[in-house]
Amino acid sequence: MWMSGSTEIPAVGFHKQIDIEFGGEERVNTCALCVTLKHLTPAVEDPVLYFTERLINSSTFGDM
């Protein structure tokens, strides 16, 4: 829902697969079905855990 802005998966599916990009800030583009995650810092010991937490908490990307 946070990725597409849709409350359910459309019967014919989405127009494309979800893109994951890396950049300077974390954000979600619902029209383009794209999530942008921050680049890893050297202090990150477990990249899988780091990105899993980011995706789980991504519904709050736009919250200030």
PDB file of N, CA and C in Angstrom:
ATOM      1  N   MET A   1       0.823  -1.193   0.000  1.00  0.00           N
ATOM      2  CA  MET A   1       0.000   0.000   0.000  1.00  0.00           C
ATOM      3  C   MET A   1       0.871   1.262   0.000  1.00  0.00           C
ATOM      4  N   TRP A   2       1.926   1.294   0.830  1.00  0.00           N
ATOM      5  CA  TRP A   2       2.780   2.480   0.884  1.00  0.00           C
ATOM      6  C   TRP A   2       3.553   2.666  -0.402  1.00  0.00           C
ATOM      7  N   MET A   3       3.830   1.586  -1.117  1.00  0.00           N
ATOM      8  CA  MET A   3       4.622   1.661  -2.350  1.00  0.00           C
ATOM      9  C   MET A   3       3.787   2.131  -3.531  1.00  0.00           C
ATOM     10  N   SER A   4       2.528   1.716  -3.592  1.00  0.00           N
ATOM     11  CA  SER A   4       1.715   1.989  -4.770  1.00  0.00           C
ATOM     12  C   SER A   4       0.622   3.023  -4.536  1.00  0.00           C
ATOM     13  N   GLY A   5       0.256   3.256  -3.313  1.00  0.00           N
ATOM     14  CA  GLY A   5      -0.870   4.136  -3.020  1.00  0.00           C
ATOM     15  C   GLY A   5      -2.196   3.419  -3.189  1.00  0.00           C
ATOM     16  N   SER A   6      -2.168   2.143  -3.558  1.00  0.00           N
ATOM     17  CA  SER A   6      -3.362   1.343  -3.771  1.00  0.00           C
ATOM     18  C   SER A   6      -3.682   0.553  -2.512  1.00  0.00           C
ATOM     19  N   THR A   7      -4.960   0.327  -2.252  1.00  0.00           N
ATOM     20  CA  THR A   7      -5.349  -0.442  -1.070  1.00  0.00           C
ATOM     21  C   THR A   7      -5.314  -1.940  -1.320  1.00  0.00           C
ATOM     22  N   GLU A   8      -5.183  -2.348  -2.589  1.00  0.00           N
ATOM     23  CA  GLU A   8      -5.098  -3.772  -2.918  1.00  0.00           C
ATOM     24  C   GLU A   8      -4.359  -3.949  -4.239  1.00  0.00           C
ATOM     25  N   ILE A   9      -3.900  -5.160  -4.488  1.00  0.00           N
ATOM     26  CA  ILE A   9      -3.217  -5.440  -5.748  1.00  0.00           C
ATOM     27  C   ILE A   9      -4.266  -5.482  -6.856  1.00  0.00           C
ATOM     28  N   PRO A  10      -4.084  -4.720  -7.943  1.00  0.00           N
ATOM     29  CA  PRO A  10      -5.059  -4.740  -9.039  1.00  0.00           C
ATOM     30  C   PRO A  10      -5.203  -6.139  -9.637  1.00  0.00           C
ATOM     31  N   ALA A  11      -6.385  -6.454 -10.151  1.00  0.00           N
ATOM     32  CA  ALA A  11      -6.653  -7.779 -10.720  1.00  0.00           C
ATOM     33  C   ALA A  11      -5.662  -8.133 -11.825  1.00  0.00           C
ATOM     34  N   VAL A  12      -5.220  -7.148 -12.603  1.00  0.00           N
ATOM     35  CA  VAL A  12      -4.266  -7.402 -13.691  1.00  0.00           C
ATOM     36  C   VAL A  12      -2.833  -7.135 -13.257  1.00  0.00           C
ATOM     37  N   GLY A  13      -2.631  -6.845 -11.983  1.00  0.00           N
ATOM     38  CA  GLY A  13      -1.298  -6.557 -11.473  1.00  0.00           C
ATOM     39  C   GLY A  13      -0.919  -5.102 -11.697  1.00  0.00           C
ATOM     40  N   PHE A  14       0.251  -4.735 -11.219  1.00  0.00           N
ATOM     41  CA  PHE A  14       0.749  -3.383 -11.415  1.00  0.00           C
ATOM     42  C   PHE A  14       1.387  -3.256 -12.786  1.00  0.00           C
ATOM     43  N   HIS A  15       1.615  -2.030 -13.227  1.00  0.00           N
ATOM     44  CA  HIS A  15       2.125  -1.795 -14.584  1.00  0.00           C
ATOM     45  C   HIS A  15       3.592  -2.184 -14.745  1.00  0.00           C
ATOM     46  N   LYS A  16       4.287  -2.436 -13.646  1.00  0.00           N
ATOM     47  CA  LYS A  16       5.699  -2.816 -13.705  1.00  0.00           C
ATOM     48  C   LYS A  16       6.136  -3.380 -12.362  1.00  0.00           C
ATOM     49  N   GLN A  17       7.334  -3.953 -12.323  1.00  0.00           N
ATOM     50  CA  GLN A  17       7.883  -4.421 -11.064  1.00  0.00           C
ATOM     51  C   GLN A  17       8.397  -3.237 -10.249  1.00  0.00           C
ATOM     52  N   ILE A  18       8.519  -3.423  -8.957  1.00  0.00           N
ATOM     53  CA  ILE A  18       9.031  -2.387  -8.065  1.00  0.00           C
ATOM     54  C   ILE A  18      10.526  -2.205  -8.301  1.00  0.00           C
ATOM     55  N   ASP A  19      10.953  -0.960  -8.448  1.00  0.00           N
ATOM     56  CA  ASP A  19      12.376  -0.635  -8.586  1.00  0.00           C
ATOM     57  C   ASP A  19      12.931  -0.244  -7.222  1.00  0.00           C
ATOM     58  N   ILE A  20      14.152  -0.679  -6.952  1.00  0.00           N
ATOM     59  CA  ILE A  20      14.861  -0.256  -5.744  1.00  0.00           C
ATOM     60  C   ILE A  20      16.123   0.458  -6.192  1.00  0.00           C
ATOM     61  N   GLU A  21      16.266   1.708  -5.738  1.00  0.00           N
ATOM     62  CA  GLU A  21      17.421   2.524  -6.101  1.00  0.00           C
ATOM     63  C   GLU A  21      18.149   2.941  -4.827  1.00  0.00           C
ATOM     64  N   PHE A  22      19.363   3.403  -4.985  1.00  0.00           N
ATOM     65  CA  PHE A  22      20.151   3.892  -3.857  1.00  0.00           C
ATOM     66  C   PHE A  22      20.527   5.342  -4.121  1.00  0.00           C
ATOM     67  N   GLY A  23      20.384   6.191  -3.090  1.00  0.00           N
ATOM     68  CA  GLY A  23      20.671   7.607  -3.248  1.00  0.00           C
ATOM     69  C   GLY A  23      20.993   8.245  -1.917  1.00  0.00           C
ATOM     70  N   GLY A  24      20.873   9.557  -1.866  1.00  0.00           N
ATOM     71  CA  GLY A  24      21.228  10.313  -0.676  1.00  0.00           C
ATOM     72  C   GLY A  24      20.175  10.339   0.403  1.00  0.00           C
ATOM     73  N   GLU A  25      18.921  10.023   0.059  1.00  0.00           N
ATOM     74  CA  GLU A  25      17.851  10.040   1.051  1.00  0.00           C
ATOM     75  C   GLU A  25      16.870   8.917   0.763  1.00  0.00           C
ATOM     76  N   GLU A  26      16.126   8.508   1.787  1.00  0.00           N
ATOM     77  CA  GLU A  26      15.132   7.455   1.625  1.00  0.00           C
ATOM     78  C   GLU A  26      13.813   8.084   1.215  1.00  0.00           C
ATOM     79  N   ARG A  27      13.195   7.521   0.173  1.00  0.00           N
ATOM     80  CA  ARG A  27      11.901   8.033  -0.293  1.00  0.00           C
ATOM     81  C   ARG A  27      11.199   6.972  -1.124  1.00  0.00           C
ATOM     82  N   VAL A  28       9.905   7.176  -1.328  1.00  0.00           N
ATOM     83  CA  VAL A  28       9.084   6.282  -2.133  1.00  0.00           C
ATOM     84  C   VAL A  28       8.361   7.115  -3.173  1.00  0.00           C
ATOM     85  N   ASN A  29       8.366   6.648  -4.426  1.00  0.00           N
ATOM     86  CA  ASN A  29       7.612   7.278  -5.504  1.00  0.00           C
ATOM     87  C   ASN A  29       6.494   6.316  -5.878  1.00  0.00           C
ATOM     88  N   THR A  30       5.251   6.632  -5.460  1.00  0.00           N
ATOM     89  CA  THR A  30       4.139   5.709  -5.680  1.00  0.00           C
ATOM     90  C   THR A  30       3.748   5.599  -7.147  1.00  0.00           C
ATOM     91  N   CYS A  31       3.891   6.647  -7.922  1.00  0.00           N
ATOM     92  CA  CYS A  31       3.537   6.591  -9.344  1.00  0.00           C
ATOM     93  C   CYS A  31       4.515   5.719 -10.127  1.00  0.00           C
ATOM     94  N   ALA A  32       5.790   5.802  -9.795  1.00  0.00           N
ATOM     95  CA  ALA A  32       6.821   5.059 -10.518  1.00  0.00           C
ATOM     96  C   ALA A  32       7.111   3.693  -9.897  1.00  0.00           C
ATOM     97  N   LEU A  33       6.434   3.365  -8.778  1.00  0.00           N
ATOM     98  CA  LEU A  33       6.706   2.127  -8.039  1.00  0.00           C
ATOM     99  C   LEU A  33       8.203   1.973  -7.784  1.00  0.00           C
ATOM    100  N   CYS A  34       8.775   2.979  -7.140  1.00  0.00           N
ATOM    101  CA  CYS A  34      10.210   3.010  -6.893  1.00  0.00           C
ATOM    102  C   CYS A  34      10.485   3.414  -5.449  1.00  0.00           C
ATOM    103  N   VAL A  35      11.368   2.685  -4.800  1.00  0.00           N
ATOM    104  CA  VAL A  35      11.816   3.041  -3.453  1.00  0.00           C
ATOM    105  C   VAL A  35      13.302   3.369  -3.542  1.00  0.00           C
ATOM    106  N   THR A  36      13.690   4.470  -2.911  1.00  0.00           N
ATOM    107  CA  THR A  36      15.092   4.869  -2.884  1.00  0.00           C
ATOM    108  C   THR A  36      15.591   4.728  -1.456  1.00  0.00           C
ATOM    109  N   LEU A  37      16.687   4.010  -1.290  1.00  0.00           N
ATOM    110  CA  LEU A  37      17.299   3.798   0.015  1.00  0.00           C
ATOM    111  C   LEU A  37      18.646   4.505   0.072  1.00  0.00           C
ATOM    112  N   LYS A  38      19.042   4.929   1.274  1.00  0.00           N
ATOM    113  CA  LYS A  38      20.344   5.574   1.449  1.00  0.00           C
ATOM    114  C   LYS A  38      21.461   4.575   1.200  1.00  0.00           C
ATOM    115  N   HIS A  39      22.575   5.091   0.743  1.00  0.00           N
ATOM    116  CA  HIS A  39      23.768   4.262   0.602  1.00  0.00           C
ATOM    117  C   HIS A  39      24.221   3.802   1.981  1.00  0.00           C
ATOM    118  N   LEU A  40      24.822   2.634   2.054  1.00  0.00           N
ATOM    119  CA  LEU A  40      25.323   2.122   3.326  1.00  0.00           C
ATOM    120  C   LEU A  40      26.507   2.934   3.815  1.00  0.00           C
ATOM    121  N   THR A  41      26.611   3.062   5.115  1.00  0.00           N
ATOM    122  CA  THR A  41      27.782   3.684   5.716  1.00  0.00           C
ATOM    123  C   THR A  41      28.722   2.563   6.165  1.00  0.00           C
ATOM    124  N   PRO A  42      29.990   2.853   6.337  1.00  0.00           N
ATOM    125  CA  PRO A  42      30.928   1.813   6.781  1.00  0.00           C
ATOM    126  C   PRO A  42      30.568   1.203   8.134  1.00  0.00           C
ATOM    127  N   ALA A  43      29.768   1.903   8.936  1.00  0.00           N
ATOM    128  CA  ALA A  43      29.421   1.415  10.266  1.00  0.00           C
ATOM    129  C   ALA A  43      28.368   0.301  10.238  1.00  0.00           C
ATOM    130  N   VAL A  44      27.725   0.073   9.093  1.00  0.00           N
ATOM    131  CA  VAL A  44      26.689  -0.956   8.996  1.00  0.00           C
ATOM    132  C   VAL A  44      27.347  -2.331   8.925  1.00  0.00           C
ATOM    133  N   GLU A  45      27.067  -3.156   9.941  1.00  0.00           N
ATOM    134  CA  GLU A  45      27.684  -4.479   9.999  1.00  0.00           C
ATOM    135  C   GLU A  45      26.857  -5.541   9.283  1.00  0.00           C
ATOM    136  N   ASP A  46      25.528  -5.396   9.277  1.00  0.00           N
ATOM    137  CA  ASP A  46      24.652  -6.390   8.672  1.00  0.00           C
ATOM    138  C   ASP A  46      23.750  -5.708   7.643  1.00  0.00           C
ATOM    139  N   PRO A  47      24.156  -5.669   6.368  1.00  0.00           N
ATOM    140  CA  PRO A  47      23.373  -4.985   5.344  1.00  0.00           C
ATOM    141  C   PRO A  47      21.955  -5.537   5.176  1.00  0.00           C
ATOM    142  N   VAL A  48      21.783  -6.843   5.312  1.00  0.00           N
ATOM    143  CA  VAL A  48      20.451  -7.434   5.159  1.00  0.00           C
ATOM    144  C   VAL A  48      19.522  -6.903   6.250  1.00  0.00           C
ATOM    145  N   LEU A  49      19.975  -6.898   7.488  1.00  0.00           N
ATOM    146  CA  LEU A  49      19.180  -6.371   8.591  1.00  0.00           C
ATOM    147  C   LEU A  49      18.903  -4.881   8.395  1.00  0.00           C
ATOM    148  N   TYR A  50      19.907  -4.140   7.981  1.00  0.00           N
ATOM    149  CA  TYR A  50      19.765  -2.699   7.752  1.00  0.00           C
ATOM    150  C   TYR A  50      18.651  -2.411   6.746  1.00  0.00           C
ATOM    151  N   PHE A  51      18.693  -3.060   5.581  1.00  0.00           N
ATOM    152  CA  PHE A  51      17.699  -2.786   4.546  1.00  0.00           C
ATOM    153  C   PHE A  51      16.335  -3.376   4.887  1.00  0.00           C
ATOM    154  N   THR A  52      16.313  -4.499   5.607  1.00  0.00           N
ATOM    155  CA  THR A  52      15.032  -5.067   6.040  1.00  0.00           C
ATOM    156  C   THR A  52      14.316  -4.103   6.978  1.00  0.00           C
ATOM    157  N   GLU A  53      15.048  -3.530   7.912  1.00  0.00           N
ATOM    158  CA  GLU A  53      14.455  -2.548   8.823  1.00  0.00           C
ATOM    159  C   GLU A  53      13.955  -1.327   8.063  1.00  0.00           C
ATOM    160  N   ARG A  54      14.718  -0.877   7.065  1.00  0.00           N
ATOM    161  CA  ARG A  54      14.309   0.286   6.277  1.00  0.00           C
ATOM    162  C   ARG A  54      13.012  -0.001   5.523  1.00  0.00           C
ATOM    163  N   LEU A  55      12.899  -1.173   4.933  1.00  0.00           N
ATOM    164  CA  LEU A  55      11.686  -1.503   4.187  1.00  0.00           C
ATOM    165  C   LEU A  55      10.490  -1.660   5.114  1.00  0.00           C
ATOM    166  N   ILE A  56      10.695  -2.276   6.274  1.00  0.00           N
ATOM    167  CA  ILE A  56       9.601  -2.439   7.228  1.00  0.00           C
ATOM    168  C   ILE A  56       9.108  -1.082   7.711  1.00  0.00           C
ATOM    169  N   ASN A  57      10.028  -0.155   7.943  1.00  0.00           N
ATOM    170  CA  ASN A  57       9.669   1.170   8.458  1.00  0.00           C
ATOM    171  C   ASN A  57       9.440   2.201   7.359  1.00  0.00           C
ATOM    172  N   SER A  58       9.436   1.777   6.124  1.00  0.00           N
ATOM    173  CA  SER A  58       9.368   2.729   5.013  1.00  0.00           C
ATOM    174  C   SER A  58       8.053   3.478   4.907  1.00  0.00           C
ATOM    175  N   SER A  59       7.010   2.986   5.561  1.00  0.00           N
ATOM    176  CA  SER A  59       5.754   3.727   5.508  1.00  0.00           C
ATOM    177  C   SER A  59       5.868   5.077   6.201  1.00  0.00           C
ATOM    178  N   THR A  60       6.951   5.291   6.953  1.00  0.00           N
ATOM    179  CA  THR A  60       7.156   6.567   7.644  1.00  0.00           C
ATOM    180  C   THR A  60       8.184   7.450   6.926  1.00  0.00           C
ATOM    181  N   PHE A  61       8.608   7.090   5.696  1.00  0.00           N
ATOM    182  CA  PHE A  61       9.617   7.869   4.978  1.00  0.00           C
ATOM    183  C   PHE A  61       9.238   9.341   4.895  1.00  0.00           C
ATOM    184  N   GLY A  62       7.984   9.637   4.603  1.00  0.00           N
ATOM    185  CA  GLY A  62       7.574  11.014   4.401  1.00  0.00           C
ATOM    186  C   GLY A  62       7.217  11.765   5.657  1.00  0.00           C
ATOM    187  N   ASP A  63       7.161  11.080   6.804  1.00  0.00           N
ATOM    188  CA  ASP A  63       6.779  11.723   8.065  1.00  0.00           C
ATOM    189  C   ASP A  63       7.904  12.635   8.554  1.00  0.00           C
ATOM    190  N   MET A  64       7.537  13.766   9.044  1.00  0.00           N
ATOM    191  CA  MET A  64       8.504  14.708   9.604  1.00  0.00           C
ATOM    192  C   MET A  64       8.228  14.914  11.060  1.00  0.00           C
TER     193      MET A  64
END
